[in-house]
Amino acid sequence: MAQRIVVIGGGAASIGAAGAAKGADPSADVRVYTEFEDVGYSPCGIPYVHGREIPDFERLFLATKQTYENAGIDIHYETRVTGFSPGKKTVTVAGEGEVGYDKLIVATGFDYADPGVPGTDLGNLYYVKNIRRAIEWDKVLDGVKSAVVVEASPLGLEMVTALCHRGIETHLVDPGAWALSVATDPDIIAPVQDSWREKGATWPAASSWTSGCTPRPRTSGRRATASRSRTA
């Protein structure tokens, strides 16, 4: 009887693991569960499309859905795994119940934590991760006049540069003394910050996000937006 390998998550790591598992054992029943509509792309590429350095979102995908199907990888899109039991060797899938496995791979990637400030339930907040939402927001950005990027993570750095490339007035809010302070020394990040200055971006040092709001439409008809760009 073929072994069943269950993979939770639809990012590059999980799809790579699923492909490796199928390659190692072509007879295996390899199942992938993801909450999203698509798999096998990197959120880190999204800002480069926003900034027009990559021409379209299609180039961010590792392969087509048909490619995975042809490879014999059974992907369950828009399906949530609510828990798993190593003792019973089962995962609990919304709408399906318990599904048994022989081997389990958990590669769910990052998610955004609640920032714990008022106003995060309001509009004009963009969380950079889901490529479908990114496609929608790319159209919104055509009419945006100013934007705030929350936290100078790798995605945050990319979003600041991308928004500047779009001609959007860009402000960065980050608790660090310099951008990406959790991972770099100030001299390493200095050329990036110099580039931001040339493009007109601002970032008060050691700043924090205390509340969110939905601004009134401006006379130009363009809207302000906030972008959360945190990685974990």
C-alpha atoms as a PDB file:
ATOM      1  CA  MET A   1       0.000   0.000   0.000  1.00  0.00           C
ATOM      2  CA  ALA A   2       1.343   3.428  -0.974  1.00  0.00           C
ATOM      3  CA  GLN A   3       2.390   5.655   1.885  1.00  0.00           C
ATOM      4  CA  ARG A   4       0.516   8.921   2.349  1.00  0.00           C
ATOM      5  CA  ILE A   5       2.539  12.086   2.840  1.00  0.00           C
ATOM      6  CA  VAL A   6       0.576  15.129   3.978  1.00  0.00           C
ATOM      7  CA  VAL A   7       2.029  18.614   3.570  1.00  0.00           C
ATOM      8  CA  ILE A   8       0.474  21.580   5.381  1.00  0.00           C
ATOM      9  CA  GLY A   9       1.156  24.882   3.632  1.00  0.00           C
ATOM     10  CA  GLY A  10       1.368  26.080   0.050  1.00  0.00           C
ATOM     11  CA  GLY A  11       4.511  28.187  -0.063  1.00  0.00           C
ATOM     12  CA  ALA A  12       7.775  27.496  -1.850  1.00  0.00           C
ATOM     13  CA  ALA A  13       9.078  25.310   1.013  1.00  0.00           C
ATOM     14  CA  SER A  14       5.993  23.106   1.146  1.00  0.00           C
ATOM     15  CA  ILE A  15       5.749  22.692  -2.613  1.00  0.00           C
ATOM     16  CA  GLY A  16       9.452  21.908  -2.761  1.00  0.00           C
ATOM     17  CA  ALA A  17       8.988  19.295  -0.037  1.00  0.00           C
ATOM     18  CA  ALA A  18       5.988  17.806  -1.828  1.00  0.00           C
ATOM     19  CA  GLY A  19       7.940  17.573  -5.071  1.00  0.00           C
ATOM     20  CA  ALA A  20      10.922  16.002  -3.324  1.00  0.00           C
ATOM     21  CA  ALA A  21       8.674  13.465  -1.593  1.00  0.00           C
ATOM     22  CA  LYS A  22       7.050  12.502  -4.887  1.00  0.00           C
ATOM     23  CA  GLY A  23      10.437  12.283  -6.569  1.00  0.00           C
ATOM     24  CA  ALA A  24      11.800  10.016  -3.830  1.00  0.00           C
ATOM     25  CA  ASP A  25       8.730   7.784  -3.897  1.00  0.00           C
ATOM     26  CA  PRO A  26       6.668   8.153  -7.095  1.00  0.00           C
ATOM     27  CA  SER A  27       4.051   5.750  -5.733  1.00  0.00           C
ATOM     28  CA  ALA A  28       3.381   7.909  -2.653  1.00  0.00           C
ATOM     29  CA  ASP A  29       0.044   9.642  -2.119  1.00  0.00           C
ATOM     30  CA  VAL A  30       1.266  13.224  -1.651  1.00  0.00           C
ATOM     31  CA  ARG A  31      -1.376  15.689  -0.469  1.00  0.00           C
ATOM     32  CA  VAL A  32      -0.910  19.411   0.063  1.00  0.00           C
ATOM     33  CA  TYR A  33      -3.362  21.536   2.062  1.00  0.00           C
ATOM     34  CA  THR A  34      -3.352  25.326   1.703  1.00  0.00           C
ATOM     35  CA  GLU A  35      -5.760  28.058   2.779  1.00  0.00           C
ATOM     36  CA  PHE A  36      -4.966  30.097  -0.310  1.00  0.00           C
ATOM     37  CA  GLU A  37      -6.079  29.957  -3.925  1.00  0.00           C
ATOM     38  CA  ASP A  38      -2.555  29.431  -5.253  1.00  0.00           C
ATOM     39  CA  VAL A  39       0.685  27.683  -4.289  1.00  0.00           C
ATOM     40  CA  GLY A  40       4.371  27.841  -5.068  1.00  0.00           C
ATOM     41  CA  TYR A  41       5.216  31.544  -5.130  1.00  0.00           C
ATOM     42  CA  SER A  42       7.295  33.793  -2.895  1.00  0.00           C
ATOM     43  CA  PRO A  43       5.710  36.807  -1.196  1.00  0.00           C
ATOM     44  CA  CYS A  44       9.144  38.446  -1.351  1.00  0.00           C
ATOM     45  CA  GLY A  45       8.638  38.880  -5.080  1.00  0.00           C
ATOM     46  CA  ILE A  46       5.382  40.806  -4.687  1.00  0.00           C
ATOM     47  CA  PRO A  47       6.961  44.236  -3.970  1.00  0.00           C
ATOM     48  CA  TYR A  48       9.078  43.944  -7.115  1.00  0.00           C
ATOM     49  CA  VAL A  49       5.921  43.681  -9.215  1.00  0.00           C
ATOM     50  CA  HIS A  50       4.431  46.655  -7.362  1.00  0.00           C
ATOM     51  CA  GLY A  51       7.630  48.579  -8.128  1.00  0.00           C
ATOM     52  CA  ARG A  52       7.526  47.567 -11.816  1.00  0.00           C
ATOM     53  CA  GLU A  53      10.901  45.786 -11.577  1.00  0.00           C
ATOM     54  CA  ILE A  54       9.159  42.492 -12.402  1.00  0.00           C
ATOM     55  CA  PRO A  55       6.591  43.005 -15.179  1.00  0.00           C
ATOM     56  CA  ASP A  56       3.744  40.792 -13.909  1.00  0.00           C
ATOM     57  CA  PHE A  57       2.651  38.496 -11.091  1.00  0.00           C
ATOM     58  CA  GLU A  58       2.640  35.405 -13.289  1.00  0.00           C
ATOM     59  CA  ARG A  59       6.439  35.390 -13.190  1.00  0.00           C
ATOM     60  CA  LEU A  60       6.361  34.792  -9.419  1.00  0.00           C
ATOM     61  CA  PHE A  61       4.898  31.296  -9.730  1.00  0.00           C
ATOM     62  CA  LEU A  62       7.244  28.308  -9.717  1.00  0.00           C
ATOM     63  CA  ALA A  63       4.864  26.304 -11.926  1.00  0.00           C
ATOM     64  CA  THR A  64       1.242  26.080 -13.053  1.00  0.00           C
ATOM     65  CA  LYS A  65      -1.488  24.180 -11.225  1.00  0.00           C
ATOM     66  CA  GLN A  66      -1.586  21.729 -14.122  1.00  0.00           C
ATOM     67  CA  THR A  67       2.115  21.016 -13.624  1.00  0.00           C
ATOM     68  CA  TYR A  68       1.511  19.867 -10.059  1.00  0.00           C
ATOM     69  CA  GLU A  69      -1.459  17.802 -11.153  1.00  0.00           C
ATOM     70  CA  ASN A  70       0.612  16.139 -13.864  1.00  0.00           C
ATOM     71  CA  ALA A  71       3.280  15.370 -11.265  1.00  0.00           C
ATOM     72  CA  GLY A  72       0.708  13.523  -9.176  1.00  0.00           C
ATOM     73  CA  ILE A  73       0.649  16.005  -6.288  1.00  0.00           C
ATOM     74  CA  ASP A  74      -2.874  16.319  -4.872  1.00  0.00           C
ATOM     75  CA  ILE A  75      -3.305  19.953  -3.814  1.00  0.00           C
ATOM     76  CA  HIS A  76      -6.344  20.980  -1.780  1.00  0.00           C
ATOM     77  CA  TYR A  77      -6.767  24.715  -2.356  1.00  0.00           C
ATOM     78  CA  GLU A  78      -8.654  27.023   0.026  1.00  0.00           C
ATOM     79  CA  THR A  79      -8.688  24.252   2.621  1.00  0.00           C
ATOM     80  CA  ARG A  80      -7.846  24.813   6.270  1.00  0.00           C
ATOM     81  CA  VAL A  81      -6.093  22.308   8.511  1.00  0.00           C
ATOM     82  CA  THR A  82      -7.301  22.980  12.047  1.00  0.00           C
ATOM     83  CA  GLY A  83      -4.993  20.577  13.875  1.00  0.00           C
ATOM     84  CA  PHE A  84      -3.011  17.362  13.779  1.00  0.00           C
ATOM     85  CA  SER A  85      -2.262  14.456  16.089  1.00  0.00           C
ATOM     86  CA  PRO A  86       1.181  12.828  15.850  1.00  0.00           C
ATOM     87  CA  GLY A  87      -0.053  10.057  18.123  1.00  0.00           C
ATOM     88  CA  LYS A  88      -2.969   9.138  15.893  1.00  0.00           C
ATOM     89  CA  LYS A  89      -1.119  10.206  12.726  1.00  0.00           C
ATOM     90  CA  THR A  90      -4.049  12.278  11.544  1.00  0.00           C
ATOM     91  CA  VAL A  91      -4.685  15.840  10.462  1.00  0.00           C
ATOM     92  CA  THR A  92      -8.044  17.514  10.990  1.00  0.00           C
ATOM     93  CA  VAL A  93      -9.254  19.214   7.831  1.00  0.00           C
ATOM     94  CA  ALA A  94     -12.170  21.660   7.754  1.00  0.00           C
ATOM     95  CA  GLY A  95     -15.011  20.084   5.791  1.00  0.00           C
ATOM     96  CA  GLU A  96     -13.267  16.713   5.531  1.00  0.00           C
ATOM     97  CA  GLY A  97     -12.703  15.592   9.109  1.00  0.00           C
ATOM     98  CA  GLU A  98      -9.691  13.485  10.056  1.00  0.00           C
ATOM     99  CA  VAL A  99      -7.247  12.444   7.351  1.00  0.00           C
ATOM    100  CA  GLY A 100      -4.581   9.839   8.126  1.00  0.00           C
ATOM    101  CA  TYR A 101      -0.951  10.109   7.144  1.00  0.00           C
ATOM    102  CA  ASP A 102       2.265   8.121   7.242  1.00  0.00           C
ATOM    103  CA  LYS A 103       4.491  11.176   7.155  1.00  0.00           C
ATOM    104  CA  LEU A 104       3.636  14.811   7.905  1.00  0.00           C
ATOM    105  CA  ILE A 105       5.414  17.958   6.712  1.00  0.00           C
ATOM    106  CA  VAL A 106       4.429  21.277   8.281  1.00  0.00           C
ATOM    107  CA  ALA A 107       5.609  24.284   6.249  1.00  0.00           C
ATOM    108  CA  THR A 108       3.001  26.954   6.892  1.00  0.00           C
ATOM    109  CA  GLY A 109       5.364  29.934   6.631  1.00  0.00           C
ATOM    110  CA  PHE A 110       4.741  33.246   8.340  1.00  0.00           C
ATOM    111  CA  ASP A 111       1.572  35.064   9.295  1.00  0.00           C
ATOM    112  CA  TYR A 112       0.877  38.522  10.672  1.00  0.00           C
ATOM    113  CA  ALA A 113       0.423  38.947  14.408  1.00  0.00           C
ATOM    114  CA  ASP A 114      -2.214  41.336  15.680  1.00  0.00           C
ATOM    115  CA  PRO A 115      -0.328  44.630  16.155  1.00  0.00           C
ATOM    116  CA  GLY A 116      -2.502  45.402  19.180  1.00  0.00           C
ATOM    117  CA  VAL A 117      -3.406  48.959  18.159  1.00  0.00           C
ATOM    118  CA  PRO A 118      -6.822  50.536  17.516  1.00  0.00           C
ATOM    119  CA  GLY A 119      -8.065  50.796  13.954  1.00  0.00           C
ATOM    120  CA  THR A 120      -6.588  47.658  12.413  1.00  0.00           C
ATOM    121  CA  ASP A 121     -10.103  46.543  11.463  1.00  0.00           C
ATOM    122  CA  LEU A 122     -10.571  49.559   9.208  1.00  0.00           C
ATOM    123  CA  GLY A 123     -10.000  49.767   5.482  1.00  0.00           C
ATOM    124  CA  ASN A 124      -6.919  50.684   3.436  1.00  0.00           C
ATOM    125  CA  LEU A 125      -4.684  48.173   5.222  1.00  0.00           C
ATOM    126  CA  TYR A 126      -2.704  45.852   2.973  1.00  0.00           C
ATOM    127  CA  TYR A 127      -0.988  42.740   4.348  1.00  0.00           C
ATOM    128  CA  VAL A 128       1.677  41.622   1.880  1.00  0.00           C
ATOM    129  CA  LYS A 129       1.436  37.829   1.458  1.00  0.00           C
ATOM    130  CA  ASN A 130      -1.498  36.539  -0.626  1.00  0.00           C
ATOM    131  CA  ILE A 131      -0.770  37.016  -4.321  1.00  0.00           C
ATOM    132  CA  ARG A 132      -4.475  37.382  -5.188  1.00  0.00           C
ATOM    133  CA  ARG A 133      -4.782  40.292  -2.779  1.00  0.00           C
ATOM    134  CA  ALA A 134      -1.546  41.692  -4.201  1.00  0.00           C
ATOM    135  CA  ILE A 135      -3.033  41.698  -7.702  1.00  0.00           C
ATOM    136  CA  GLU A 136      -6.055  43.622  -6.402  1.00  0.00           C
ATOM    137  CA  TRP A 137      -3.891  46.083  -4.487  1.00  0.00           C
ATOM    138  CA  ASP A 138      -1.627  46.695  -7.449  1.00  0.00           C
ATOM    139  CA  LYS A 139      -4.597  48.345  -9.146  1.00  0.00           C
ATOM    140  CA  VAL A 140      -5.385  50.339  -5.999  1.00  0.00           C
ATOM    141  CA  LEU A 141      -1.816  51.641  -5.882  1.00  0.00           C
ATOM    142  CA  ASP A 142      -2.381  53.399  -9.206  1.00  0.00           C
ATOM    143  CA  GLY A 143      -4.544  55.880  -7.312  1.00  0.00           C
ATOM    144  CA  VAL A 144      -2.608  56.111  -4.044  1.00  0.00           C
ATOM    145  CA  LYS A 145      -0.919  59.388  -3.138  1.00  0.00           C
ATOM    146  CA  SER A 146       0.792  58.440   0.133  1.00  0.00           C
ATOM    147  CA  ALA A 147       1.530  55.243   2.026  1.00  0.00           C
ATOM    148  CA  VAL A 148       2.884  54.076   5.366  1.00  0.00           C
ATOM    149  CA  VAL A 149       4.911  50.870   5.605  1.00  0.00           C
ATOM    150  CA  VAL A 150       4.889  49.277   9.058  1.00  0.00           C
ATOM    151  CA  GLU A 151       8.185  47.665  10.111  1.00  0.00           C
ATOM    152  CA  ALA A 152      11.482  47.515   8.262  1.00  0.00           C
ATOM    153  CA  SER A 153      11.570  43.768   7.734  1.00  0.00           C
ATOM    154  CA  PRO A 154      12.938  42.379   4.439  1.00  0.00           C
ATOM    155  CA  LEU A 155       9.446  42.691   2.929  1.00  0.00           C
ATOM    156  CA  GLY A 156       9.122  46.156   4.439  1.00  0.00           C
ATOM    157  CA  LEU A 157      12.361  47.312   2.833  1.00  0.00           C
ATOM    158  CA  GLU A 158      11.199  45.993  -0.515  1.00  0.00           C
ATOM    159  CA  MET A 159       7.813  47.713  -0.163  1.00  0.00           C
ATOM    160  CA  VAL A 160       9.369  51.105   0.677  1.00  0.00           C
ATOM    161  CA  THR A 161      11.503  50.940  -2.457  1.00  0.00           C
ATOM    162  CA  ALA A 162       8.622  49.658  -4.588  1.00  0.00           C
ATOM    163  CA  LEU A 163       6.249  52.411  -3.489  1.00  0.00           C
ATOM    164  CA  CYS A 164       8.911  55.048  -4.151  1.00  0.00           C
ATOM    165  CA  HIS A 165       9.344  53.612  -7.645  1.00  0.00           C
ATOM    166  CA  ARG A 166       5.593  54.073  -8.141  1.00  0.00           C
ATOM    167  CA  GLY A 167       5.928  57.766  -7.278  1.00  0.00           C
ATOM    168  CA  ILE A 168       4.028  57.336  -3.999  1.00  0.00           C
ATOM    169  CA  GLU A 169       4.918  59.480  -0.985  1.00  0.00           C
ATOM    170  CA  THR A 170       6.246  56.807   1.362  1.00  0.00           C
ATOM    171  CA  HIS A 171       6.751  56.773   5.137  1.00  0.00           C
ATOM    172  CA  LEU A 172       8.254  53.936   7.175  1.00  0.00           C
ATOM    173  CA  VAL A 173       7.315  53.237  10.795  1.00  0.00           C
ATOM    174  CA  ASP A 174       9.764  50.974  12.619  1.00  0.00           C
ATOM    175  CA  PRO A 175      10.935  50.699  16.242  1.00  0.00           C
ATOM    176  CA  GLY A 176      14.578  50.202  15.260  1.00  0.00           C
ATOM    177  CA  ALA A 177      17.273  52.870  15.182  1.00  0.00           C
ATOM    178  CA  TRP A 178      17.898  51.940  11.534  1.00  0.00           C
ATOM    179  CA  ALA A 179      16.135  49.815   8.943  1.00  0.00           C
ATOM    180  CA  LEU A 180      16.376  46.041   9.416  1.00  0.00           C
ATOM    181  CA  SER A 181      18.184  46.634  12.716  1.00  0.00           C
ATOM    182  CA  VAL A 182      17.372  43.118  13.949  1.00  0.00           C
ATOM    183  CA  ALA A 183      19.573  41.615  11.234  1.00  0.00           C
ATOM    184  CA  THR A 184      22.087  44.221  10.018  1.00  0.00           C
ATOM    185  CA  ASP A 185      24.590  46.779  11.229  1.00  0.00           C
ATOM    186  CA  PRO A 186      23.901  50.424  10.325  1.00  0.00           C
ATOM    187  CA  ASP A 187      26.744  50.622   7.793  1.00  0.00           C
ATOM    188  CA  ILE A 188      25.306  47.653   5.882  1.00  0.00           C
ATOM    189  CA  ILE A 189      21.874  49.209   5.456  1.00  0.00           C
ATOM    190  CA  ALA A 190      23.154  52.771   4.895  1.00  0.00           C
ATOM    191  CA  PRO A 191      23.171  52.568   1.054  1.00  0.00           C
ATOM    192  CA  VAL A 192      19.512  51.476   1.131  1.00  0.00           C
ATOM    193  CA  GLN A 193      18.548  54.367   3.378  1.00  0.00           C
ATOM    194  CA  ASP A 194      20.527  56.786   1.202  1.00  0.00           C
ATOM    195  CA  SER A 195      18.557  55.545  -1.793  1.00  0.00           C
ATOM    196  CA  TRP A 196      15.304  56.100   0.088  1.00  0.00           C
ATOM    197  CA  ARG A 197      16.304  59.680   0.890  1.00  0.00           C
ATOM    198  CA  GLU A 198      16.980  60.339  -2.777  1.00  0.00           C
ATOM    199  CA  LYS A 199      13.502  59.018  -3.556  1.00  0.00           C
ATOM    200  CA  GLY A 200      11.854  61.167  -0.849  1.00  0.00           C
ATOM    201  CA  ALA A 201      10.952  58.442   1.674  1.00  0.00           C
ATOM    202  CA  THR A 202      10.882  59.311   5.376  1.00  0.00           C
ATOM    203  CA  TRP A 203      11.382  57.145   8.454  1.00  0.00           C
ATOM    204  CA  PRO A 204      11.595  58.668  11.940  1.00  0.00           C
ATOM    205  CA  ALA A 205      14.000  56.504  13.964  1.00  0.00           C
ATOM    206  CA  ALA A 206      12.574  54.288  16.704  1.00  0.00           C
ATOM    207  CA  SER A 207       8.969  55.071  15.740  1.00  0.00           C
ATOM    208  CA  SER A 208       5.930  52.916  16.397  1.00  0.00           C
ATOM    209  CA  TRP A 209       2.436  52.410  15.035  1.00  0.00           C
ATOM    210  CA  THR A 210      -0.126  53.447  17.656  1.00  0.00           C
ATOM    211  CA  SER A 211      -3.382  53.439  15.678  1.00  0.00           C
ATOM    212  CA  GLY A 212      -4.836  52.934  12.233  1.00  0.00           C
ATOM    213  CA  CYS A 213      -7.391  55.006  10.402  1.00  0.00           C
ATOM    214  CA  THR A 214      -9.214  55.280   7.105  1.00  0.00           C
ATOM    215  CA  PRO A 215      -8.513  58.731   5.658  1.00  0.00           C
ATOM    216  CA  ARG A 216     -11.134  60.806   3.899  1.00  0.00           C
ATOM    217  CA  PRO A 217     -10.830  60.926   0.105  1.00  0.00           C
ATOM    218  CA  ARG A 218      -8.552  63.713  -1.035  1.00  0.00           C
ATOM    219  CA  THR A 219      -9.516  66.315  -3.598  1.00  0.00           C
ATOM    220  CA  SER A 220      -7.344  64.554  -6.154  1.00  0.00           C
ATOM    221  CA  GLY A 221      -9.465  61.444  -5.738  1.00  0.00           C
ATOM    222  CA  ARG A 222      -6.476  59.441  -4.616  1.00  0.00           C
ATOM    223  CA  ARG A 223      -6.372  57.600  -1.311  1.00  0.00           C
ATOM    224  CA  ALA A 224      -3.801  56.998   1.361  1.00  0.00           C
ATOM    225  CA  THR A 225      -3.046  53.455   2.387  1.00  0.00           C
ATOM    226  CA  ALA A 226      -1.058  51.572   5.002  1.00  0.00           C
ATOM    227  CA  SER A 227       0.942  48.476   4.214  1.00  0.00           C
ATOM    228  CA  ARG A 228       1.953  45.875   6.772  1.00  0.00           C
ATOM    229  CA  SER A 229       5.084  44.180   5.547  1.00  0.00           C
ATOM    230  CA  ARG A 230       6.394  41.997   8.310  1.00  0.00           C
ATOM    231  CA  THR A 231       8.139  38.683   8.063  1.00  0.00           C
ATOM    232  CA  ALA A 232       8.731  36.094  10.740  1.00  0.00           C
END
